[in-house]
Amino acid sequence: MKALQNKLLILIVSSTLIPALVVMAIALSNYGRILKNDSEQIMQLMCSEKRQVIDEKLLNIEQSVHTIYHVAIEQYGNTESLWQDDEQFSKHISKMRELMETTVKYTDGAVSVYYRLNAAIRGPKQGVWLLQDENGNFIEHEMTDISLYDENDIEHVGWYHIPIANGKETWINPYYNRNMDEEIISYVIPIFLDGKTIGVVGMDIATNLLYENTKNVTIYDSGYAFLMDNEGEFVYHPEMKGNTISEEFNIQHTYLYEKSLLSVKNQSVEAYQWNDADKKMTAQKLRNGMIFTVCVTEQEIKKPQNETLIDSVLVILLIMAGFVAVTVFLTKAIVRLIYTDAMTQVRNKTAYNECVDLLSKRIRDKEQLEFLIAVVDINDLKIVNDTYGHECGDKLIQNGASILKKVWGSDCTYRIGGDEFVVVCSDMEMKCAKERISLFEEAIEAYNRQNTCEGLYLQMAIGMAVYSSETDKEYMDVFRRADSAMYEDKKQKKTKCNPVDFNRVNEY
């Protein structure tokens, strides 16, 4: 019976659990895909928004410099007269200074603005250089003597020679300006007229403007942004110490630069590894050629999915626990129906056959085994059926079964025929068996004394046999002995009391 119960339980649970798990797996897979797309969109949106903020500041710088450039060009009517006439040149410089003062005040992030003429025009220190002081005011500063430095001296004169060499407006990568004693980036427009170099006009921006707008970027719990110049060198990274990068840290700059370039090119989110962590990045190029990158760990991206997975598993486990409990209850009920005789509520022939098969196997396997068989039969049931009807006969069978259940228990009692019952008790000693026989006979006597219906007078024959491993080779050896003992008991009880004479009940 337990085997069938377990099979039904496994069948019902598996037929429900497996589809539930499949549905959950599909749902989580779709959720993971949606989460991945959402996280990538969030990263790209964040990168785009922050890049636009920085680009607006850079654009403002460009527009300011272009304003100064165009005003300077407009004054170059007769350049020979302009350069040679001191008064006219002084007015030109004064006008440029006034324009530069006004323009730079409304240019966020600017720390310096300059209009520098070619040394061949009026000497090595001609032009205007306004530098921001500690109070935020822009004051005129002494011009740098360009002739004192080599053209490749970026820290002193790179701001002048690089845009002229490029022949176009140029954003210069972050560098340390020795003239200002500060790390800056510069936007410079070279001035050419009739094939001659007139000079440059430009603005310097403190790199802190870029640092702050990059450092303040947060995404998820620990995501961050970093900035690289157009040659792949770090400008800002959270792991940098100050504005410097250790050799060990910078050794991976090529790897990150290539990944960032790939993201810029494909407008995609790229996977990479950093400090043994799986991460994702998306990058966009700034107006000045720098690459702005937003990154976050895979673990953090998948955190909502993992939390959902845990919650889903817990819910599934709770549901399945309840379902299994209900299934066990229903399975027991189903099995009880399968193995229970409908009329008497003791075990039926199917349950008996399964019990016999199990005992037979244990006997064949030579297990240490003790069991007792009692074969029980209702005497003269046919006479009751013929005299009082089958309904009365059925009632008599039910009453007999009730006595057997009371004495032996419903789990040990089997109805294997119309009025034939078998009791199978394991590990039953003879002394206990004899006590049960006495209780059985006393229960029948008590029933008959209380019975007022002549058709329900009950007489039951019983025969018992105990398994012996020495003499019994199979189950049927024990059964045959018990069956023979039952028929012997039937003869004795019929001789003692004629079941048709109901007035002799008290003599039984």
Protein backbone atom coordinates (compact mmCIF):
# COMPACT_ATOMS: atom_id res chain seq x y z
CA MET A 1 0.00 0.00 0.00
CA LYS A 2 2.83 2.39 0.85
CA ALA A 3 4.48 1.66 -2.47
CA LEU A 4 1.35 2.70 -4.36
CA GLN A 5 0.95 5.72 -2.12
CA ASN A 6 4.54 6.81 -2.82
CA LYS A 7 4.10 6.27 -6.55
CA LEU A 8 0.94 8.35 -6.62
CA LEU A 9 2.61 11.04 -4.55
CA ILE A 10 5.65 11.17 -6.84
CA LEU A 11 3.44 11.18 -9.94
CA ILE A 12 1.18 13.99 -8.74
CA VAL A 13 3.98 16.13 -7.31
CA SER A 14 6.28 15.68 -10.32
CA SER A 15 3.47 16.37 -12.81
CA THR A 16 2.87 19.66 -11.02
CA LEU A 17 6.36 20.58 -9.84
CA ILE A 18 8.15 20.06 -13.16
CA PRO A 19 5.78 22.32 -15.16
CA ALA A 20 5.93 24.88 -12.34
CA LEU A 21 9.72 24.84 -12.41
CA VAL A 22 9.75 25.09 -16.22
CA VAL A 23 7.37 28.06 -16.11
CA MET A 24 9.46 29.67 -13.36
CA ALA A 25 12.67 29.10 -15.35
CA ILE A 26 11.12 30.65 -18.48
CA ALA A 27 9.76 33.57 -16.46
CA LEU A 28 13.12 34.20 -14.78
CA SER A 29 14.91 33.89 -18.11
CA ASN A 30 12.59 36.47 -19.67
CA TYR A 31 12.92 38.65 -16.58
CA GLY A 32 16.71 38.37 -16.80
CA ARG A 33 16.57 39.40 -20.46
CA ILE A 34 14.31 42.35 -19.66
CA LEU A 35 16.51 43.29 -16.71
CA LYS A 36 19.60 43.13 -18.93
CA ASN A 37 17.99 45.38 -21.54
CA ASP A 38 16.75 47.78 -18.87
CA SER A 39 20.14 47.95 -17.18
CA GLU A 40 21.85 48.64 -20.49
CA GLN A 41 19.35 51.36 -21.31
CA ILE A 42 19.85 52.89 -17.86
CA MET A 43 23.62 52.87 -18.33
CA GLN A 44 23.42 54.38 -21.80
CA LEU A 45 20.91 57.00 -20.68
CA MET A 46 23.08 57.92 -17.69
CA CYS A 47 26.17 58.12 -19.88
CA SER A 48 24.36 60.28 -22.44
CA GLU A 49 22.95 62.68 -19.83
CA LYS A 50 26.28 63.21 -18.08
CA ARG A 51 28.13 63.51 -21.37
CA GLN A 52 25.70 66.24 -22.44
CA VAL A 53 26.31 68.15 -19.20
CA ILE A 54 30.06 68.15 -19.82
CA ASP A 55 29.63 68.87 -23.53
CA GLU A 56 27.49 71.92 -22.73
CA LYS A 57 30.33 73.33 -20.67
CA LEU A 58 32.83 72.53 -23.42
CA LEU A 59 30.53 74.07 -26.03
CA ASN A 60 30.27 77.21 -23.92
CA ILE A 61 34.08 77.40 -23.93
CA GLU A 62 34.18 76.94 -27.70
CA GLN A 63 31.56 79.63 -28.31
CA SER A 64 33.42 82.10 -26.09
CA VAL A 65 36.69 81.51 -27.88
CA HIS A 66 34.98 81.78 -31.28
CA THR A 67 33.48 85.11 -30.24
CA ILE A 68 36.91 86.47 -29.38
CA TYR A 69 38.38 85.01 -32.57
CA HIS A 70 35.81 86.61 -34.88
CA VAL A 71 36.13 90.02 -33.24
CA ALA A 72 39.90 89.82 -33.70
CA ILE A 73 39.53 88.87 -37.39
CA GLU A 74 37.14 91.75 -37.98
CA GLN A 75 39.82 94.25 -36.83
CA TYR A 76 42.39 93.02 -39.29
CA GLY A 77 41.60 95.56 -42.02
CA ASN A 78 45.05 96.88 -42.84
CA THR A 79 47.32 94.61 -40.80
CA GLU A 80 50.51 96.46 -41.81
CA SER A 81 49.09 99.69 -40.40
CA LEU A 82 47.69 97.86 -37.35
CA TRP A 83 51.00 96.27 -36.40
CA GLN A 84 53.13 99.33 -37.12
CA ASP A 85 50.96 102.10 -35.64
CA ASP A 86 51.43 102.05 -31.86
CA GLU A 87 48.27 103.96 -31.10
CA GLN A 88 46.14 101.86 -33.41
CA PHE A 89 47.69 98.66 -32.02
CA SER A 90 47.12 99.86 -28.45
CA LYS A 91 43.43 100.48 -29.20
CA HIS A 92 43.20 97.00 -30.73
CA ILE A 93 44.71 95.37 -27.68
CA SER A 94 42.53 97.43 -25.37
CA LYS A 95 39.38 96.40 -27.25
CA MET A 96 40.40 92.78 -27.19
CA ARG A 97 41.12 92.96 -23.46
CA GLU A 98 37.69 94.47 -22.78
CA LEU A 99 35.97 91.80 -24.86
CA MET A 100 37.92 89.01 -23.18
CA GLU A 101 37.11 90.29 -19.68
CA THR A 102 33.40 90.34 -20.49
CA THR A 103 33.39 86.97 -22.22
CA VAL A 104 35.38 84.99 -19.69
CA LYS A 105 33.13 86.09 -16.79
CA TYR A 106 30.24 84.22 -18.34
CA THR A 107 32.20 81.13 -19.25
CA ASP A 108 31.85 78.38 -16.66
CA GLY A 109 35.06 76.55 -15.79
CA ALA A 110 37.47 78.97 -17.48
CA VAL A 111 40.60 79.85 -15.50
CA SER A 112 42.44 81.71 -18.21
CA VAL A 113 41.82 83.44 -21.54
CA TYR A 114 44.46 84.70 -23.97
CA TYR A 115 44.94 86.43 -27.28
CA ARG A 116 48.54 85.85 -28.26
CA LEU A 117 50.27 87.31 -31.33
CA ASN A 118 53.10 85.82 -33.30
CA ALA A 119 56.46 86.99 -31.90
CA ALA A 120 57.49 88.00 -35.42
CA ILE A 121 54.80 90.71 -35.49
CA ARG A 122 55.64 92.91 -32.51
CA GLY A 123 57.93 90.86 -30.31
CA PRO A 124 57.71 87.76 -28.08
CA LYS A 125 55.26 89.14 -25.47
CA GLN A 126 52.48 90.82 -27.42
CA GLY A 127 48.79 90.11 -26.70
CA VAL A 128 46.49 89.78 -23.71
CA TRP A 129 46.50 87.12 -20.99
CA LEU A 130 43.83 87.25 -18.29
CA LEU A 131 44.26 84.85 -15.39
CA GLN A 132 41.77 84.09 -12.62
CA ASP A 133 42.93 85.11 -9.15
CA GLU A 134 42.05 83.62 -5.75
CA ASN A 135 38.88 85.73 -5.56
CA GLY A 136 37.62 84.56 -8.92
CA ASN A 137 38.44 87.81 -10.70
CA PHE A 138 40.28 87.82 -14.01
CA ILE A 139 43.35 90.06 -13.98
CA GLU A 140 45.96 90.69 -16.61
CA HIS A 141 49.06 88.58 -16.26
CA GLU A 142 52.54 89.02 -17.71
CA MET A 143 52.87 87.32 -21.07
CA THR A 144 55.07 84.24 -21.47
CA ASP A 145 58.12 84.77 -23.66
CA ILE A 146 57.53 82.05 -26.25
CA SER A 147 61.02 82.43 -27.70
CA LEU A 148 62.54 81.06 -24.49
CA TYR A 149 61.06 77.57 -24.92
CA ASP A 150 61.31 74.75 -27.40
CA GLU A 151 58.23 74.10 -29.54
CA ASN A 152 57.91 70.62 -27.99
CA ASP A 153 57.79 72.01 -24.46
CA ILE A 154 54.11 71.21 -23.91
CA GLU A 155 54.07 72.40 -20.31
CA HIS A 156 55.13 75.94 -21.26
CA VAL A 157 54.17 76.61 -24.86
CA GLY A 158 52.13 73.63 -26.04
CA TRP A 159 48.99 75.80 -25.96
CA TYR A 160 50.55 77.97 -28.70
CA HIS A 161 52.44 75.58 -30.99
CA ILE A 162 50.04 72.58 -31.05
CA PRO A 163 47.00 74.36 -32.64
CA ILE A 164 49.24 76.20 -35.11
CA ALA A 165 50.84 72.91 -36.10
CA ASN A 166 47.36 71.37 -36.49
CA GLY A 167 46.23 74.32 -38.56
CA LYS A 168 42.78 74.28 -36.96
CA GLU A 169 40.90 74.80 -33.72
CA THR A 170 42.16 72.28 -31.19
CA TRP A 171 41.26 70.79 -27.84
CA ILE A 172 44.53 70.02 -26.09
CA ASN A 173 44.58 66.98 -23.81
CA PRO A 174 44.98 67.60 -20.06
CA TYR A 175 48.49 68.73 -19.22
CA TYR A 176 50.32 70.49 -16.43
CA ASN A 177 50.83 74.14 -17.36
CA ARG A 178 54.04 75.44 -15.79
CA ASN A 179 53.14 79.06 -16.48
CA MET A 180 50.01 78.71 -14.33
CA ASP A 181 51.23 75.92 -12.05
CA GLU A 182 47.98 74.06 -12.65
CA GLU A 183 46.63 71.04 -14.55
CA ILE A 184 44.38 72.26 -17.37
CA ILE A 185 42.82 71.50 -20.72
CA SER A 186 42.89 74.15 -23.43
CA TYR A 187 40.72 75.10 -26.40
CA VAL A 188 42.68 77.16 -28.89
CA ILE A 189 41.96 78.58 -32.34
CA PRO A 190 44.98 79.51 -34.50
CA ILE A 191 44.72 82.78 -36.45
CA PHE A 192 45.96 82.73 -40.03
CA LEU A 193 45.76 85.60 -42.52
CA ASP A 194 46.99 85.54 -46.11
CA GLY A 195 49.04 82.43 -45.37
CA LYS A 196 50.71 84.05 -42.38
CA THR A 197 50.43 83.03 -38.75
CA ILE A 198 48.95 85.90 -36.75
CA GLY A 199 48.71 84.10 -33.41
CA VAL A 200 46.19 82.20 -31.30
CA VAL A 201 43.13 82.86 -29.15
CA GLY A 202 42.16 80.37 -26.48
CA MET A 203 40.86 79.47 -23.04
CA ASP A 204 42.18 77.18 -20.33
CA ILE A 205 39.86 75.09 -18.18
CA ALA A 206 40.80 73.50 -14.87
CA THR A 207 40.58 69.72 -15.11
CA ASN A 208 38.60 69.80 -11.86
CA LEU A 209 35.62 70.79 -14.01
CA LEU A 210 35.88 67.40 -15.70
CA TYR A 211 36.76 65.56 -12.48
CA GLU A 212 33.75 66.85 -10.57
CA ASN A 213 31.29 66.11 -13.37
CA THR A 214 32.73 62.61 -13.67
CA LYS A 215 33.24 61.85 -10.00
CA ASN A 216 29.63 62.74 -9.13
CA VAL A 217 28.22 60.09 -11.43
CA THR A 218 26.62 57.19 -9.54
CA ILE A 219 24.66 54.30 -10.98
CA TYR A 220 23.11 51.48 -8.97
CA ASP A 221 24.91 51.21 -5.61
CA SER A 222 28.56 51.20 -6.64
CA GLY A 223 28.65 52.03 -10.35
CA TYR A 224 30.83 54.94 -11.39
CA ALA A 225 32.23 56.85 -14.36
CA PHE A 226 35.78 57.41 -15.55
CA LEU A 227 37.37 59.65 -18.16
CA MET A 228 40.15 59.00 -20.67
CA ASP A 229 41.75 61.36 -23.16
CA ASN A 230 41.81 60.69 -26.89
CA GLU A 231 45.08 58.79 -26.55
CA GLY A 232 43.75 56.36 -23.97
CA GLU A 233 45.34 57.88 -20.87
CA PHE A 234 43.31 58.14 -17.71
CA VAL A 235 42.12 61.64 -16.86
CA TYR A 236 39.95 60.53 -13.95
CA HIS A 237 39.15 57.21 -12.30
CA PRO A 238 37.82 56.60 -8.75
CA GLU A 239 40.84 54.43 -8.01
CA MET A 240 43.29 57.18 -8.92
CA LYS A 241 45.20 58.80 -6.09
CA GLY A 242 44.80 62.51 -6.62
CA ASN A 243 45.52 63.30 -10.23
CA THR A 244 48.16 60.63 -10.61
CA ILE A 245 47.95 56.99 -11.61
CA SER A 246 50.26 54.24 -10.43
CA GLU A 247 52.11 52.21 -13.04
CA GLU A 248 50.27 49.06 -11.94
CA PHE A 249 46.91 50.82 -12.32
CA ASN A 250 47.70 52.43 -15.65
CA ILE A 251 48.95 49.20 -17.19
CA GLN A 252 45.37 48.30 -18.16
CA HIS A 253 44.58 51.63 -19.77
CA THR A 254 45.01 50.19 -23.29
CA TYR A 255 42.53 47.40 -22.49
CA LEU A 256 39.92 49.83 -21.16
CA TYR A 257 40.58 52.29 -23.98
CA GLU A 258 39.93 49.62 -26.61
CA LYS A 259 36.76 48.52 -24.83
CA SER A 260 35.60 52.13 -24.58
CA LEU A 261 36.32 52.78 -28.25
CA LEU A 262 34.35 49.65 -29.17
CA SER A 263 31.42 50.88 -27.10
CA VAL A 264 31.59 54.31 -28.74
CA LYS A 265 31.77 52.80 -32.21
CA ASN A 266 28.91 50.34 -31.73
CA GLN A 267 26.91 52.51 -29.32
CA SER A 268 26.78 49.40 -27.17
CA VAL A 269 27.30 48.07 -23.66
CA GLU A 270 30.50 46.04 -23.47
CA ALA A 271 31.53 43.39 -20.93
CA TYR A 272 35.02 43.53 -19.40
CA GLN A 273 36.97 42.50 -16.33
CA TRP A 274 38.50 44.81 -13.74
CA ASN A 275 40.20 43.70 -10.52
CA ASP A 276 38.84 40.15 -10.95
CA ALA A 277 35.25 41.42 -11.22
CA ASP A 278 32.96 41.00 -14.22
CA LYS A 279 31.70 44.41 -15.25
CA LYS A 280 29.87 46.24 -18.02
CA MET A 281 30.61 49.63 -19.55
CA THR A 282 29.14 52.03 -22.03
CA ALA A 283 31.08 54.98 -23.40
CA GLN A 284 30.50 58.15 -25.42
CA LYS A 285 32.94 60.65 -26.87
CA LEU A 286 33.02 64.22 -25.59
CA ARG A 287 33.34 67.28 -27.85
CA ASN A 288 37.02 67.55 -26.99
CA GLY A 289 37.73 63.94 -28.07
CA MET A 290 37.86 62.50 -24.56
CA ILE A 291 35.93 59.33 -23.78
CA PHE A 292 33.38 59.38 -20.98
CA THR A 293 32.61 55.89 -19.65
CA VAL A 294 29.99 54.61 -17.20
CA CYS A 295 30.49 51.16 -15.66
CA VAL A 296 28.87 48.82 -13.13
CA THR A 297 29.50 45.26 -11.93
CA GLU A 298 27.55 42.34 -13.41
CA GLN A 299 26.75 41.22 -9.88
CA GLU A 300 24.97 44.48 -9.15
CA ILE A 301 23.06 44.38 -12.43
CA LYS A 302 21.90 40.85 -11.65
CA LYS A 303 21.11 41.63 -8.02
CA PRO A 304 17.37 42.25 -8.64
CA GLN A 305 17.20 39.06 -10.70
CA ASN A 306 18.96 37.08 -7.96
CA GLU A 307 16.67 38.56 -5.31
CA THR A 308 13.66 37.69 -7.47
CA LEU A 309 15.04 34.19 -7.95
CA ILE A 310 15.41 33.71 -4.19
CA ASP A 311 11.92 35.10 -3.56
CA SER A 312 10.49 32.90 -6.31
CA VAL A 313 12.20 29.81 -4.94
CA LEU A 314 10.90 30.56 -1.44
CA VAL A 315 7.38 31.08 -2.77
CA ILE A 316 7.61 27.90 -4.84
CA LEU A 317 8.86 25.98 -1.82
CA LEU A 318 6.04 27.30 0.35
CA ILE A 319 3.46 26.52 -2.32
CA MET A 320 4.95 23.09 -2.92
CA ALA A 321 5.06 22.37 0.82
CA GLY A 322 1.36 23.14 1.05
CA PHE A 323 0.69 21.26 -2.15
CA VAL A 324 2.64 18.22 -0.96
CA ALA A 325 0.77 18.25 2.34
CA VAL A 326 -2.57 18.35 0.52
CA THR A 327 -1.33 15.77 -1.98
CA VAL A 328 -0.22 13.43 0.80
CA PHE A 329 -3.63 13.76 2.41
CA LEU A 330 -5.44 13.18 -0.89
CA THR A 331 -3.09 10.36 -1.84
CA LYS A 332 -3.74 8.61 1.45
CA ALA A 333 -7.45 9.04 0.86
CA ILE A 334 -7.15 7.65 -2.68
CA VAL A 335 -5.02 4.74 -1.54
CA ARG A 336 -7.44 4.10 1.31
CA LEU A 337 -10.24 3.86 -1.23
CA ILE A 338 -8.21 1.57 -3.45
CA TYR A 339 -7.30 -0.80 -0.60
CA THR A 340 -10.48 -0.57 1.50
CA ASP A 341 -13.47 -2.87 1.17
CA ALA A 342 -16.48 -0.62 0.60
CA MET A 343 -18.94 -2.76 2.57
CA THR A 344 -16.90 -3.52 5.70
CA GLN A 345 -14.25 -0.77 5.76
CA VAL A 346 -11.48 -3.33 6.33
CA ARG A 347 -8.74 -3.93 3.77
CA ASN A 348 -9.78 -5.59 0.53
CA LYS A 349 -8.46 -8.38 -1.68
CA THR A 350 -6.09 -6.02 -3.51
CA ALA A 351 -4.45 -5.00 -0.23
CA TYR A 352 -4.32 -8.66 0.83
CA ASN A 353 -2.59 -9.75 -2.39
CA GLU A 354 0.02 -7.03 -1.97
CA CYS A 355 0.59 -8.15 1.62
CA VAL A 356 0.97 -11.76 0.49
CA ASP A 357 3.47 -10.74 -2.22
CA LEU A 358 5.56 -8.84 0.31
CA LEU A 359 5.59 -11.68 2.84
CA SER A 360 6.37 -14.22 0.11
CA LYS A 361 9.35 -12.17 -1.03
CA ARG A 362 10.66 -11.85 2.52
CA ILE A 363 10.30 -15.62 2.97
CA ARG A 364 12.18 -16.26 -0.29
CA ASP A 365 14.90 -13.84 0.84
CA LYS A 366 15.17 -15.84 4.07
CA GLU A 367 14.65 -12.82 6.29
CA GLN A 368 14.19 -13.16 10.01
CA LEU A 369 10.42 -13.05 10.05
CA GLU A 370 7.54 -13.68 12.44
CA PHE A 371 3.89 -13.41 11.50
CA LEU A 372 0.56 -14.98 12.31
CA ILE A 373 -2.38 -15.71 10.03
CA ALA A 374 -5.96 -16.07 11.22
CA VAL A 375 -8.56 -17.21 8.69
CA VAL A 376 -12.11 -16.24 9.70
CA ASP A 377 -15.41 -17.28 8.14
CA ILE A 378 -19.04 -16.50 9.02
CA ASN A 379 -20.97 -19.69 9.60
CA ASP A 380 -24.18 -20.42 7.69
CA LEU A 381 -24.31 -17.11 5.81
CA LYS A 382 -26.17 -18.83 2.98
CA ILE A 383 -28.97 -19.86 5.36
CA VAL A 384 -29.28 -16.25 6.57
CA ASN A 385 -29.38 -14.95 2.98
CA ASP A 386 -32.01 -17.51 1.98
CA THR A 387 -34.11 -17.04 5.12
CA TYR A 388 -33.82 -13.32 5.80
CA GLY A 389 -32.51 -11.90 2.54
CA HIS A 390 -29.17 -10.67 1.27
CA GLU A 391 -29.58 -7.30 2.96
CA CYS A 392 -29.60 -9.07 6.31
CA GLY A 393 -26.65 -11.19 5.18
CA ASP A 394 -24.68 -8.09 4.24
CA LYS A 395 -25.46 -6.60 7.63
CA LEU A 396 -24.16 -9.75 9.28
CA ILE A 397 -20.89 -9.47 7.29
CA GLN A 398 -20.53 -5.86 8.37
CA ASN A 399 -21.12 -6.74 12.01
CA GLY A 400 -18.56 -9.53 11.80
CA ALA A 401 -16.04 -7.18 10.22
CA SER A 402 -16.65 -4.63 13.02
CA ILE A 403 -15.75 -7.27 15.62
CA LEU A 404 -12.58 -8.17 13.71
CA LYS A 405 -11.56 -4.51 13.50
CA LYS A 406 -12.22 -4.06 17.19
CA VAL A 407 -10.06 -7.06 18.14
CA TRP A 408 -7.37 -7.07 15.47
CA GLY A 409 -7.47 -3.58 14.00
CA SER A 410 -8.46 -2.50 10.48
CA ASP A 411 -4.85 -2.51 9.24
CA CYS A 412 -4.47 -6.24 9.90
CA THR A 413 -7.89 -7.38 8.72
CA TYR A 414 -8.61 -8.30 5.10
CA ARG A 415 -11.85 -9.34 3.43
CA ILE A 416 -10.85 -11.79 0.73
CA GLY A 417 -14.29 -13.19 -0.19
CA GLY A 418 -17.98 -12.83 0.52
CA ASP A 419 -17.85 -13.85 4.19
CA GLU A 420 -14.19 -14.84 4.41
CA PHE A 421 -11.62 -12.72 6.25
CA VAL A 422 -7.90 -13.06 6.88
CA VAL A 423 -6.01 -11.44 9.73
CA VAL A 424 -2.25 -11.01 9.21
CA CYS A 425 -0.23 -9.88 12.22
CA SER A 426 3.53 -9.54 12.17
CA ASP A 427 5.76 -10.25 15.19
CA MET A 428 2.86 -11.77 17.07
CA GLU A 429 3.71 -14.21 19.87
CA MET A 430 1.46 -17.15 20.59
CA LYS A 431 0.50 -15.80 24.00
CA CYS A 432 -0.69 -12.54 22.47
CA ALA A 433 -2.48 -14.42 19.71
CA LYS A 434 -4.39 -16.57 22.22
CA GLU A 435 -5.43 -13.44 24.09
CA ARG A 436 -6.78 -12.01 20.86
CA ILE A 437 -8.70 -15.23 20.18
CA SER A 438 -10.29 -14.97 23.61
CA LEU A 439 -11.21 -11.34 23.00
CA PHE A 440 -12.62 -12.32 19.64
CA GLU A 441 -14.89 -15.01 21.13
CA GLU A 442 -15.96 -12.71 23.96
CA ALA A 443 -16.85 -9.96 21.47
CA ILE A 444 -19.07 -12.36 19.50
CA GLU A 445 -20.81 -13.47 22.69
CA ALA A 446 -21.40 -9.88 23.75
CA TYR A 447 -22.74 -9.02 20.29
CA ASN A 448 -25.19 -11.95 20.30
CA ARG A 449 -26.45 -11.11 23.79
CA GLN A 450 -27.27 -7.58 22.74
CA ASN A 451 -28.68 -8.54 19.35
CA THR A 452 -32.47 -8.52 19.17
CA CYS A 453 -32.78 -9.42 15.49
CA GLU A 454 -32.97 -13.15 14.79
CA GLY A 455 -31.49 -12.71 11.31
CA LEU A 456 -28.35 -11.07 12.70
CA TYR A 457 -27.29 -13.88 15.02
CA LEU A 458 -23.53 -14.24 14.42
CA GLN A 459 -21.30 -17.26 14.54
CA MET A 460 -17.73 -17.04 13.16
CA ALA A 461 -15.18 -19.80 12.76
CA ILE A 462 -11.50 -18.96 13.16
CA GLY A 463 -8.29 -20.84 12.46
CA MET A 464 -4.80 -19.62 13.23
CA ALA A 465 -1.27 -20.52 12.14
CA VAL A 466 2.15 -19.05 12.96
CA TYR A 467 4.93 -18.91 10.37
CA SER A 468 7.89 -21.20 11.00
CA SER A 469 11.03 -20.72 8.96
CA GLU A 470 11.89 -24.40 9.49
CA THR A 471 8.71 -25.91 8.07
CA ASP A 472 7.12 -23.19 5.92
CA LYS A 473 8.71 -22.71 2.49
CA GLU A 474 6.12 -20.21 1.28
CA TYR A 475 3.24 -18.11 2.51
CA MET A 476 0.58 -20.58 1.36
CA ASP A 477 1.99 -23.21 3.74
CA VAL A 478 0.99 -21.00 6.64
CA PHE A 479 -2.34 -20.09 5.07
CA ARG A 480 -3.31 -23.72 4.47
CA ARG A 481 -2.71 -24.59 8.11
CA ALA A 482 -4.79 -21.63 9.26
CA ASP A 483 -7.55 -22.48 6.77
CA SER A 484 -7.65 -26.11 7.98
CA ALA A 485 -7.85 -24.93 11.59
CA MET A 486 -10.74 -22.64 10.63
CA TYR A 487 -12.73 -25.48 9.09
CA GLU A 488 -12.10 -27.61 12.18
CA ASP A 489 -13.39 -24.76 14.37
CA LYS A 490 -16.42 -24.39 12.08
CA LYS A 491 -17.34 -28.07 12.57
CA GLN A 492 -17.05 -27.84 16.34
CA LYS A 493 -19.20 -24.69 16.56
CA LYS A 494 -21.88 -26.12 14.28
CA THR A 495 -22.07 -29.25 16.47
CA LYS A 496 -22.35 -27.15 19.60
CA CYS A 497 -25.01 -24.75 18.28
CA ASN A 498 -27.47 -25.02 15.43
CA PRO A 499 -27.41 -21.48 13.99
CA VAL A 500 -31.03 -21.78 12.86
CA ASP A 501 -32.19 -22.27 16.47
CA PHE A 502 -31.87 -18.67 17.63
CA ASN A 503 -33.35 -19.50 21.04
CA ARG A 504 -30.04 -21.23 21.91
CA VAL A 505 -27.97 -18.07 21.66
CA ASN A 506 -27.30 -17.92 25.38
CA GLU A 507 -25.96 -21.48 25.31
CA TYR A 508 -23.18 -20.52 22.94
